């Protein structure tokens, strides 16, 4: 069997504790009868969308008809060109569902949550240029770590597995590992035996 063609990592890269959940403030109807530039309203008078922009920053916010914030996007202004820094979405109940961050146009983190508020997926980028790496951690609905994967990120955004790729059962016990070198070449695989040990696959 050609082990070099046996990827361990998940194709979607989606999915140990829950993080602090920000509860967005309710948007209140504007007492002014004229709609400010960059703002729109629902028929009930609640704010639907608002855009704020200065020379250095732009913020777009959208809201549910109830007034709960639905999404907030923040850009740094590079002259007339916006460069995204943060993108956050919320459930109708105000629970954060996803938070993405960028620095100088490069992604640095991507967190996803269940409607219960528990973290279900975490992606963290590190390094620069040819040494850029991505750590992906997926979680069960209980909050227990389900998998941990590490990748090198090419200049075009392609991903190659590196290091030890781990999978866990619902109790958090390791069930398998696959090891790759720094060039993404498969080295070995280990699986949990009946005795509970991780043993090499022959």
C-alpha atoms as a PDB file:
ATOM      1  CA  UNK A   1       0.000   0.000   0.000  1.00  0.00           C
ATOM      2  CA  UNK A   2       1.315   3.465  -0.861  1.00  0.00           C
ATOM      3  CA  UNK A   3       1.077   5.358   2.418  1.00  0.00           C
ATOM      4  CA  UNK A   4       2.118   8.648   0.813  1.00  0.00           C
ATOM      5  CA  UNK A   5      -1.349   8.951  -0.739  1.00  0.00           C
ATOM      6  CA  UNK A   6      -3.287   8.370   2.455  1.00  0.00           C
ATOM      7  CA  UNK A   7      -4.297  11.772   3.796  1.00  0.00           C
ATOM      8  CA  UNK A   8      -5.400  11.882   7.388  1.00  0.00           C
ATOM      9  CA  UNK A   9      -6.641  15.442   7.543  1.00  0.00           C
ATOM     10  CA  UNK A  10     -10.298  16.380   6.965  1.00  0.00           C
ATOM     11  CA  UNK A  11     -11.193  17.756   3.542  1.00  0.00           C
ATOM     12  CA  UNK A  12     -13.290  20.597   4.915  1.00  0.00           C
ATOM     13  CA  UNK A  13     -10.840  21.666   7.662  1.00  0.00           C
ATOM     14  CA  UNK A  14     -13.859  22.541   9.787  1.00  0.00           C
ATOM     15  CA  UNK A  15     -14.103  21.698  13.255  1.00  0.00           C
ATOM     16  CA  UNK A  16     -10.422  22.596  25.060  1.00  0.00           C
ATOM     17  CA  UNK A  17     -12.855  24.811  26.243  1.00  0.00           C
ATOM     18  CA  UNK A  18     -15.432  27.294  25.050  1.00  0.00           C
ATOM     19  CA  UNK A  19     -14.210  30.859  24.658  1.00  0.00           C
ATOM     20  CA  UNK A  20     -15.778  33.996  26.053  1.00  0.00           C
ATOM     21  CA  UNK A  21     -18.845  34.855  23.979  1.00  0.00           C
ATOM     22  CA  UNK A  22     -19.502  38.511  23.306  1.00  0.00           C
ATOM     23  CA  UNK A  23     -23.148  39.485  23.507  1.00  0.00           C
ATOM     24  CA  UNK A  24     -23.762  42.238  20.943  1.00  0.00           C
ATOM     25  CA  UNK A  25     -25.775  45.243  21.995  1.00  0.00           C
ATOM     26  CA  UNK A  26     -29.261  45.789  20.638  1.00  0.00           C
ATOM     27  CA  UNK A  27     -29.563  48.347  17.869  1.00  0.00           C
ATOM     28  CA  UNK A  28     -32.141  50.996  18.765  1.00  0.00           C
ATOM     29  CA  UNK A  29     -34.363  52.874  16.291  1.00  0.00           C
ATOM     30  CA  UNK A  30     -32.968  56.248  15.266  1.00  0.00           C
ATOM     31  CA  UNK A  31     -35.171  59.105  16.429  1.00  0.00           C
ATOM     32  CA  UNK A  32     -34.170  61.107  13.355  1.00  0.00           C
ATOM     33  CA  UNK A  33     -36.732  60.664  10.576  1.00  0.00           C
ATOM     34  CA  UNK A  34     -34.063  61.016   7.897  1.00  0.00           C
ATOM     35  CA  UNK A  35     -31.923  57.968   7.118  1.00  0.00           C
ATOM     36  CA  UNK A  36     -28.226  58.789   7.614  1.00  0.00           C
ATOM     37  CA  UNK A  37     -25.893  58.010   4.709  1.00  0.00           C
ATOM     38  CA  UNK A  38     -24.744  54.375   4.938  1.00  0.00           C
ATOM     39  CA  UNK A  39     -27.720  53.272   7.074  1.00  0.00           C
ATOM     40  CA  UNK A  40     -30.941  51.430   6.290  1.00  0.00           C
ATOM     41  CA  UNK A  41     -33.913  50.430   8.455  1.00  0.00           C
ATOM     42  CA  UNK A  42     -36.558  47.724   8.731  1.00  0.00           C
ATOM     43  CA  UNK A  43     -40.238  48.763   8.451  1.00  0.00           C
ATOM     44  CA  UNK A  44     -40.469  48.565  12.246  1.00  0.00           C
ATOM     45  CA  UNK A  45     -37.847  51.301  12.530  1.00  0.00           C
ATOM     46  CA  UNK A  46     -35.061  49.023  13.765  1.00  0.00           C
ATOM     47  CA  UNK A  47     -31.633  49.499  12.232  1.00  0.00           C
ATOM     48  CA  UNK A  48     -30.966  46.975   9.423  1.00  0.00           C
ATOM     49  CA  UNK A  49     -27.514  47.997   8.243  1.00  0.00           C
ATOM     50  CA  UNK A  50     -24.995  50.718   9.023  1.00  0.00           C
ATOM     51  CA  UNK A  51     -21.680  51.651   7.445  1.00  0.00           C
ATOM     52  CA  UNK A  52     -19.177  53.865   9.254  1.00  0.00           C
ATOM     53  CA  UNK A  53     -15.989  55.009   7.589  1.00  0.00           C
ATOM     54  CA  UNK A  54     -13.042  57.221   8.468  1.00  0.00           C
ATOM     55  CA  UNK A  55      -9.746  57.741   6.690  1.00  0.00           C
ATOM     56  CA  UNK A  56      -8.223  54.759   8.524  1.00  0.00           C
ATOM     57  CA  UNK A  57     -11.105  52.354   9.143  1.00  0.00           C
ATOM     58  CA  UNK A  58     -14.418  51.106   7.800  1.00  0.00           C
ATOM     59  CA  UNK A  59     -17.033  49.179   9.798  1.00  0.00           C
ATOM     60  CA  UNK A  60     -20.095  47.460   8.314  1.00  0.00           C
ATOM     61  CA  UNK A  61     -22.798  46.182  10.664  1.00  0.00           C
ATOM     62  CA  UNK A  62     -26.010  44.339   9.848  1.00  0.00           C
ATOM     63  CA  UNK A  63     -28.818  43.493  12.268  1.00  0.00           C
ATOM     64  CA  UNK A  64     -31.736  41.111  12.646  1.00  0.00           C
ATOM     65  CA  UNK A  65     -35.247  42.687  12.723  1.00  0.00           C
ATOM     66  CA  UNK A  66     -35.154  42.202  16.500  1.00  0.00           C
ATOM     67  CA  UNK A  67     -32.197  44.591  16.732  1.00  0.00           C
ATOM     68  CA  UNK A  68     -29.614  41.909  17.538  1.00  0.00           C
ATOM     69  CA  UNK A  69     -26.414  42.319  15.546  1.00  0.00           C
ATOM     70  CA  UNK A  70     -26.117  39.719  12.781  1.00  0.00           C
ATOM     71  CA  UNK A  71     -22.687  40.534  11.371  1.00  0.00           C
ATOM     72  CA  UNK A  72     -19.838  42.979  11.855  1.00  0.00           C
ATOM     73  CA  UNK A  73     -17.020  43.480   9.339  1.00  0.00           C
ATOM     74  CA  UNK A  74     -14.040  45.740   9.942  1.00  0.00           C
ATOM     75  CA  UNK A  75     -11.518  46.931   7.369  1.00  0.00           C
ATOM     76  CA  UNK A  76      -8.374  48.998   7.664  1.00  0.00           C
ATOM     77  CA  UNK A  77      -8.237  51.595   4.897  1.00  0.00           C
ATOM     78  CA  UNK A  78      -5.083  51.519   2.780  1.00  0.00           C
ATOM     79  CA  UNK A  79      -5.748  54.730   0.916  1.00  0.00           C
ATOM     80  CA  UNK A  80      -9.019  54.009  -0.893  1.00  0.00           C
ATOM     81  CA  UNK A  81      -8.499  50.234  -0.647  1.00  0.00           C
ATOM     82  CA  UNK A  82     -10.152  48.376   2.273  1.00  0.00           C
ATOM     83  CA  UNK A  83      -8.143  45.523   3.848  1.00  0.00           C
ATOM     84  CA  UNK A  84     -10.278  43.220   5.989  1.00  0.00           C
ATOM     85  CA  UNK A  85      -9.254  42.801   9.641  1.00  0.00           C
ATOM     86  CA  UNK A  86     -12.252  41.143  11.332  1.00  0.00           C
ATOM     87  CA  UNK A  87     -15.504  39.416  10.362  1.00  0.00           C
ATOM     88  CA  UNK A  88     -17.943  38.247  13.046  1.00  0.00           C
ATOM     89  CA  UNK A  89     -21.382  36.632  12.704  1.00  0.00           C
ATOM     90  CA  UNK A  90     -24.007  36.108  15.421  1.00  0.00           C
ATOM     91  CA  UNK A  91     -27.099  33.958  15.824  1.00  0.00           C
ATOM     92  CA  UNK A  92     -30.554  35.578  16.246  1.00  0.00           C
ATOM     93  CA  UNK A  93     -30.092  34.998  19.982  1.00  0.00           C
ATOM     94  CA  UNK A  94     -26.847  37.007  19.982  1.00  0.00           C
ATOM     95  CA  UNK A  95     -24.435  34.073  20.288  1.00  0.00           C
ATOM     96  CA  UNK A  96     -21.204  34.419  18.323  1.00  0.00           C
ATOM     97  CA  UNK A  97     -21.101  31.770  15.581  1.00  0.00           C
ATOM     98  CA  UNK A  98     -17.887  32.665  13.791  1.00  0.00           C
ATOM     99  CA  UNK A  99     -14.986  35.076  14.166  1.00  0.00           C
ATOM    100  CA  UNK A 100     -12.316  35.547  11.507  1.00  0.00           C
ATOM    101  CA  UNK A 101      -9.270  37.818  11.817  1.00  0.00           C
ATOM    102  CA  UNK A 102      -6.633  39.036   9.370  1.00  0.00           C
ATOM    103  CA  UNK A 103      -3.403  41.027   9.658  1.00  0.00           C
ATOM    104  CA  UNK A 104      -2.119  42.951   6.636  1.00  0.00           C
ATOM    105  CA  UNK A 105      -4.520  40.927   4.483  1.00  0.00           C
ATOM    106  CA  UNK A 106      -3.289  37.537   5.751  1.00  0.00           C
ATOM    107  CA  UNK A 107      -5.620  35.281   7.796  1.00  0.00           C
ATOM    108  CA  UNK A 108      -4.514  34.772  11.393  1.00  0.00           C
ATOM    109  CA  UNK A 109      -7.473  32.961  13.002  1.00  0.00           C
ATOM    110  CA  UNK A 110     -10.890  31.472  12.278  1.00  0.00           C
ATOM    111  CA  UNK A 111     -13.114  30.323  15.150  1.00  0.00           C
ATOM    112  CA  UNK A 112     -16.505  28.625  14.759  1.00  0.00           C
ATOM    113  CA  UNK A 113     -19.070  27.954  17.486  1.00  0.00           C
ATOM    114  CA  UNK A 114     -22.239  25.964  18.027  1.00  0.00           C
ATOM    115  CA  UNK A 115     -25.420  27.861  18.908  1.00  0.00           C
ATOM    116  CA  UNK A 116     -24.794  26.635  22.452  1.00  0.00           C
ATOM    117  CA  UNK A 117     -21.652  28.784  22.494  1.00  0.00           C
ATOM    118  CA  UNK A 118     -19.189  25.865  22.517  1.00  0.00           C
ATOM    119  CA  UNK A 119     -16.168  26.068  20.236  1.00  0.00           C
ATOM    120  CA  UNK A 120     -16.420  23.539  17.374  1.00  0.00           C
ATOM    121  CA  UNK A 121     -13.495  24.538  15.152  1.00  0.00           C
ATOM    122  CA  UNK A 122     -10.344  26.605  15.580  1.00  0.00           C
ATOM    123  CA  UNK A 123      -7.793  27.582  12.926  1.00  0.00           C
ATOM    124  CA  UNK A 124      -4.665  29.506  13.861  1.00  0.00           C
ATOM    125  CA  UNK A 125      -2.055  30.741  11.415  1.00  0.00           C
ATOM    126  CA  UNK A 126       1.566  31.459  12.333  1.00  0.00           C
ATOM    127  CA  UNK A 127       4.806  32.404  10.616  1.00  0.00           C
ATOM    128  CA  UNK A 128       5.362  34.412   7.461  1.00  0.00           C
ATOM    129  CA  UNK A 129       6.055  33.714   3.803  1.00  0.00           C
ATOM    130  CA  UNK A 130       7.373  30.224   3.061  1.00  0.00           C
ATOM    131  CA  UNK A 131       7.353  29.310   6.777  1.00  0.00           C
ATOM    132  CA  UNK A 132       3.650  30.017   7.259  1.00  0.00           C
ATOM    133  CA  UNK A 133       1.745  27.253   9.086  1.00  0.00           C
ATOM    134  CA  UNK A 134      -1.856  26.455   9.987  1.00  0.00           C
ATOM    135  CA  UNK A 135      -3.013  24.597  13.101  1.00  0.00           C
ATOM    136  CA  UNK A 136      -6.540  23.169  12.888  1.00  0.00           C
ATOM    137  CA  UNK A 137      -8.370  21.871  15.956  1.00  0.00           C
ATOM    138  CA  UNK A 138     -11.836  20.329  15.714  1.00  0.00           C
ATOM    139  CA  UNK A 139     -14.095  19.600  18.676  1.00  0.00           C
ATOM    140  CA  UNK A 140     -16.987  17.313  19.507  1.00  0.00           C
ATOM    141  CA  UNK A 141     -20.275  18.958  20.525  1.00  0.00           C
ATOM    142  CA  UNK A 142     -19.268  18.218  24.109  1.00  0.00           C
ATOM    143  CA  UNK A 143     -16.263  20.525  23.765  1.00  0.00           C
ATOM    144  CA  UNK A 144     -13.741  17.641  23.795  1.00  0.00           C
ATOM    145  CA  UNK A 145     -10.936  17.854  21.219  1.00  0.00           C
ATOM    146  CA  UNK A 146     -11.696  15.559  18.234  1.00  0.00           C
ATOM    147  CA  UNK A 147      -8.673  16.169  16.010  1.00  0.00           C
ATOM    148  CA  UNK A 148      -5.541  18.267  15.708  1.00  0.00           C
ATOM    149  CA  UNK A 149      -3.855  18.853  12.356  1.00  0.00           C
ATOM    150  CA  UNK A 150      -0.922  20.979  11.230  1.00  0.00           C
ATOM    151  CA  UNK A 151      -0.224  22.213   7.711  1.00  0.00           C
ATOM    152  CA  UNK A 152       2.312  24.263   5.826  1.00  0.00           C
ATOM    153  CA  UNK A 153       0.691  27.024   3.765  1.00  0.00           C
ATOM    154  CA  UNK A 154       2.047  27.740   0.297  1.00  0.00           C
ATOM    155  CA  UNK A 155       2.225  31.222  -1.212  1.00  0.00           C
ATOM    156  CA  UNK A 156      -0.917  30.377  -3.194  1.00  0.00           C
ATOM    157  CA  UNK A 157      -2.797  29.163  -0.133  1.00  0.00           C
ATOM    158  CA  UNK A 158      -2.317  25.443  -0.739  1.00  0.00           C
ATOM    159  CA  UNK A 159      -2.082  23.187   2.307  1.00  0.00           C
ATOM    160  CA  UNK A 160       0.336  20.308   2.941  1.00  0.00           C
ATOM    161  CA  UNK A 161       0.185  18.183   6.117  1.00  0.00           C
ATOM    162  CA  UNK A 162       3.278  18.362   8.325  1.00  0.00           C
ATOM    163  CA  UNK A 163       4.201  16.889  11.689  1.00  0.00           C
ATOM    164  CA  UNK A 164       1.823  14.695  13.705  1.00  0.00           C
ATOM    165  CA  UNK A 165      -1.873  14.606  12.746  1.00  0.00           C
ATOM    166  CA  UNK A 166      -3.970  13.378  15.673  1.00  0.00           C
ATOM    167  CA  UNK A 167      -7.475  12.007  16.162  1.00  0.00           C
ATOM    168  CA  UNK A 168      -9.292  11.437  19.472  1.00  0.00           C
ATOM    169  CA  UNK A 169     -12.411   9.628  20.642  1.00  0.00           C
ATOM    170  CA  UNK A 170     -15.293  11.343  22.462  1.00  0.00           C
ATOM    171  CA  UNK A 171     -13.471  10.981  25.784  1.00  0.00           C
ATOM    172  CA  UNK A 172     -10.375  12.738  24.447  1.00  0.00           C
ATOM    173  CA  UNK A 173      -8.246   9.588  24.237  1.00  0.00           C
ATOM    174  CA  UNK A 174      -5.938   9.371  21.168  1.00  0.00           C
ATOM    175  CA  UNK A 175      -7.130   6.806  18.611  1.00  0.00           C
ATOM    176  CA  UNK A 176      -4.720   7.403  15.729  1.00  0.00           C
ATOM    177  CA  UNK A 177      -1.765   9.441  14.527  1.00  0.00           C
ATOM    178  CA  UNK A 178      -0.203  10.055  11.156  1.00  0.00           C
ATOM    179  CA  UNK A 179       3.243  11.586  10.813  1.00  0.00           C
ATOM    180  CA  UNK A 180       4.473  13.715   7.875  1.00  0.00           C
ATOM    181  CA  UNK A 181       7.842  15.321   7.276  1.00  0.00           C
ATOM    182  CA  UNK A 182       8.316  19.057   6.620  1.00  0.00           C
ATOM    183  CA  UNK A 183       7.779  18.515   2.883  1.00  0.00           C
ATOM    184  CA  UNK A 184       4.426  16.802   3.441  1.00  0.00           C
ATOM    185  CA  UNK A 185       5.679  13.264   2.785  1.00  0.00           C
ATOM    186  CA  UNK A 186       3.904  10.540   4.736  1.00  0.00           C
ATOM    187  CA  UNK A 187       6.191   8.748   7.214  1.00  0.00           C
ATOM    188  CA  UNK A 188       4.112   6.472   9.416  1.00  0.00           C
ATOM    189  CA  UNK A 189       0.715   5.780  10.928  1.00  0.00           C
ATOM    190  CA  UNK A 190      -0.219   4.615  14.401  1.00  0.00           C
ATOM    191  CA  UNK A 191      -3.593   3.363  15.628  1.00  0.00           C
ATOM    192  CA  UNK A 192      -4.870   2.412  19.054  1.00  0.00           C
ATOM    193  CA  UNK A 193      -4.626  -1.268  19.773  1.00  0.00           C
ATOM    194  CA  UNK A 194      -6.928  -3.385  21.935  1.00  0.00           C
ATOM    195  CA  UNK A 195      -4.537  -2.725  24.812  1.00  0.00           C
ATOM    196  CA  UNK A 196      -5.032   1.009  24.421  1.00  0.00           C
ATOM    197  CA  UNK A 197      -1.581   1.760  23.002  1.00  0.00           C
ATOM    198  CA  UNK A 198      -0.834   3.586  19.765  1.00  0.00           C
ATOM    199  CA  UNK A 199       1.067   1.085  17.623  1.00  0.00           C
ATOM    200  CA  UNK A 200       2.588   1.466  14.138  1.00  0.00           C
ATOM    201  CA  UNK A 201       0.523   0.124  11.244  1.00  0.00           C
ATOM    202  CA  UNK A 202       2.496  -2.571   9.401  1.00  0.00           C
END
